[in-house]
C-alpha atoms as a PDB file:
ATOM      1  CA  UNK A   1      82.438  66.230 -12.035  1.00  0.00           C
ATOM      2  CA  UNK A   2      85.453  63.764 -12.471  1.00  0.00           C
ATOM      3  CA  UNK A   3      84.777  60.270 -14.043  1.00  0.00           C
ATOM      4  CA  UNK A   4      85.846  57.905 -11.123  1.00  0.00           C
ATOM      5  CA  UNK A   5      84.894  54.937 -13.147  1.00  0.00           C
ATOM      6  CA  UNK A   6      87.754  55.424 -15.390  1.00  0.00           C
ATOM      7  CA  UNK A   7      86.049  53.332 -18.388  1.00  0.00           C
ATOM      8  CA  UNK A   8      87.743  52.410 -21.492  1.00  0.00           C
ATOM      9  CA  UNK A   9      84.802  51.059 -23.129  1.00  0.00           C
ATOM     10  CA  UNK A  10      86.083  47.468 -23.431  1.00  0.00           C
ATOM     11  CA  UNK A  11      84.992  46.451 -20.023  1.00  0.00           C
ATOM     12  CA  UNK A  12      82.196  43.593 -19.910  1.00  0.00           C
ATOM     13  CA  UNK A  13      79.951  43.168 -16.965  1.00  0.00           C
ATOM     14  CA  UNK A  14      77.599  40.141 -15.720  1.00  0.00           C
ATOM     15  CA  UNK A  15      74.005  41.136 -15.954  1.00  0.00           C
ATOM     16  CA  UNK A  16      71.586  38.746 -14.680  1.00  0.00           C
ATOM     17  CA  UNK A  17      68.322  40.715 -15.502  1.00  0.00           C
ATOM     18  CA  UNK A  18      67.127  42.695 -18.620  1.00  0.00           C
ATOM     19  CA  UNK A  19      65.525  45.546 -17.146  1.00  0.00           C
ATOM     20  CA  UNK A  20      66.626  48.750 -15.500  1.00  0.00           C
ATOM     21  CA  UNK A  21      66.230  52.388 -15.284  1.00  0.00           C
ATOM     22  CA  UNK A  22      65.639  54.102 -18.637  1.00  0.00           C
ATOM     23  CA  UNK A  23      65.900  57.773 -17.703  1.00  0.00           C
ATOM     24  CA  UNK A  24      69.345  58.090 -18.268  1.00  0.00           C
ATOM     25  CA  UNK A  25      69.443  61.844 -18.651  1.00  0.00           C
ATOM     26  CA  UNK A  26      69.504  61.970 -14.705  1.00  0.00           C
ATOM     27  CA  UNK A  27      72.548  63.421 -13.056  1.00  0.00           C
ATOM     28  CA  UNK A  28      72.661  60.262 -10.946  1.00  0.00           C
ATOM     29  CA  UNK A  29      73.636  57.864 -13.853  1.00  0.00           C
ATOM     30  CA  UNK A  30      77.292  57.231 -14.226  1.00  0.00           C
ATOM     31  CA  UNK A  31      77.239  54.276 -16.830  1.00  0.00           C
ATOM     32  CA  UNK A  32      74.616  52.944 -19.245  1.00  0.00           C
ATOM     33  CA  UNK A  33      74.415  49.695 -21.305  1.00  0.00           C
ATOM     34  CA  UNK A  34      72.487  48.677 -24.366  1.00  0.00           C
ATOM     35  CA  UNK A  35      69.074  47.685 -23.572  1.00  0.00           C
ATOM     36  CA  UNK A  36      66.477  46.784 -26.444  1.00  0.00           C
ATOM     37  CA  UNK A  37      66.237  49.785 -28.912  1.00  0.00           C
ATOM     38  CA  UNK A  38      67.900  52.268 -26.258  1.00  0.00           C
ATOM     39  CA  UNK A  39      69.876  52.270 -23.136  1.00  0.00           C
ATOM     40  CA  UNK A  40      69.402  51.654 -19.367  1.00  0.00           C
ATOM     41  CA  UNK A  41      71.296  52.642 -16.299  1.00  0.00           C
ATOM     42  CA  UNK A  42      73.934  50.234 -14.896  1.00  0.00           C
ATOM     43  CA  UNK A  43      75.250  52.447 -12.233  1.00  0.00           C
ATOM     44  CA  UNK A  44      74.062  55.410 -10.503  1.00  0.00           C
ATOM     45  CA  UNK A  45      75.757  57.596  -7.625  1.00  0.00           C
ATOM     46  CA  UNK A  46      74.533  60.333  -5.769  1.00  0.00           C
ATOM     47  CA  UNK A  47      76.885  61.826  -2.839  1.00  0.00           C
ATOM     48  CA  UNK A  48      78.148  58.667  -0.717  1.00  0.00           C
ATOM     49  CA  UNK A  49      75.585  56.103  -2.416  1.00  0.00           C
ATOM     50  CA  UNK A  50      76.742  54.147  -5.430  1.00  0.00           C
ATOM     51  CA  UNK A  51      74.538  51.405  -6.934  1.00  0.00           C
ATOM     52  CA  UNK A  52      75.123  48.834  -9.477  1.00  0.00           C
ATOM     53  CA  UNK A  53      72.290  47.124 -11.951  1.00  0.00           C
ATOM     54  CA  UNK A  54      74.884  44.577 -12.699  1.00  0.00           C
ATOM     55  CA  UNK A  55      76.928  42.118 -10.591  1.00  0.00           C
ATOM     56  CA  UNK A  56      80.535  43.426 -10.114  1.00  0.00           C
ATOM     57  CA  UNK A  57      81.245  40.722  -7.823  1.00  0.00           C
ATOM     58  CA  UNK A  58      80.938  38.153 -10.951  1.00  0.00           C
ATOM     59  CA  UNK A  59      82.409  40.280 -13.444  1.00  0.00           C
ATOM     60  CA  UNK A  60      85.886  39.259 -13.256  1.00  0.00           C
ATOM     61  CA  UNK A  61      88.825  41.945 -13.254  1.00  0.00           C
ATOM     62  CA  UNK A  62      86.423  44.461 -14.504  1.00  0.00           C
ATOM     63  CA  UNK A  63      84.119  44.252 -11.620  1.00  0.00           C
ATOM     64  CA  UNK A  64      87.115  44.216  -9.204  1.00  0.00           C
ATOM     65  CA  UNK A  65      88.239  47.302 -10.770  1.00  0.00           C
ATOM     66  CA  UNK A  66      84.921  49.114 -10.564  1.00  0.00           C
ATOM     67  CA  UNK A  67      84.418  48.033  -6.749  1.00  0.00           C
ATOM     68  CA  UNK A  68      87.994  49.322  -6.117  1.00  0.00           C
ATOM     69  CA  UNK A  69      87.283  52.825  -7.837  1.00  0.00           C
ATOM     70  CA  UNK A  70      84.062  52.922  -5.811  1.00  0.00           C
ATOM     71  CA  UNK A  71      85.781  52.346  -2.383  1.00  0.00           C
ATOM     72  CA  UNK A  72      88.175  54.849  -3.314  1.00  0.00           C
ATOM     73  CA  UNK A  73      85.670  57.449  -4.145  1.00  0.00           C
ATOM     74  CA  UNK A  74      83.601  56.891  -1.165  1.00  0.00           C
ATOM     75  CA  UNK A  75      86.657  57.018   1.181  1.00  0.00           C
ATOM     76  CA  UNK A  76      87.257  60.582   0.031  1.00  0.00           C
END
């Protein structure tokens, strides 16, 4: 499976809440973030459905890039 997110690891995203899906072994999880002593899902995708735990629209250039990548992936 191709990594359509194309993340470098230096991105920063705006989270309003400190909770999320912690079963990050699921094939749906595309991106995780540090949460307490472990990690939580911050993006999931399945088929033509993509969801974000964070606010891409408030995440400056990083959010713009990830939204553009999501639109391109869904338009295939």
